[in-house]
Amino acid sequence: MTKWILKCKNIVDESADVLVCSANVNLNPSGGVGAELLGRHGSKMQRALHAILAGRKRHFAEQGEVIAYSDTDLPYKVVLHAVAVNGFYESSPPVVERIVRTALYLAQDNKARKVVLTALATGYGNLTLSQFADGIRPLLGENFDPVEQVCVCLLEDYRIQQLASALPAAEVVSK
């Protein structure tokens, strides 16, 4: 069974095969994890994401899409940009469940053993941590072999404690 971990840590400092981060419909890494990736690894990923959108009839991503990006310069097999919000930054627990499930299937396809995940749609998005927990709770009892571990990383300890209260099946680990 895939193990779920909650950790107070900057997600980009946690080693993993796959990183799942929030993305807006324009695939702009304007805040949170996306901005951190942009700052650490440059704009190559941003240009690639915009090229994906430019090749479409509609020049935006749809809520519920997961856009994969791979680059040997990154410390991950793949970064999955999860569009959990619509153009007004609205989301819901069912959207989070669907998008995290899709991301975990993509992680399986990439033979990932460890996935790091941010609390989707809780930064610029309208979801509370409790609503995010409602979205991922149905996934906690499932097996996503070969994924052995999904680590949800948040920067603040009090947010980890809030999430742990809503997800007693997940394990809280120290840095």
Foldseek 3Di string as FASTA:
>chain_A
DAAEEEEQDQLLVDQWQEEEEEAAFQRQLPDGPSVVCCVVPNCPVVVVSQVVLVPDPHSTHAQLDWDWDADPVGSYRIYTHHHQAYNQLEHFLQSLLSNVVVVLLVCVVVQIQEYEYELYSCPSHDDDLLRSLSNCQVVNPDDSPPHRYYYYYDNDPVSSVVNCVNRVSHHYDYD
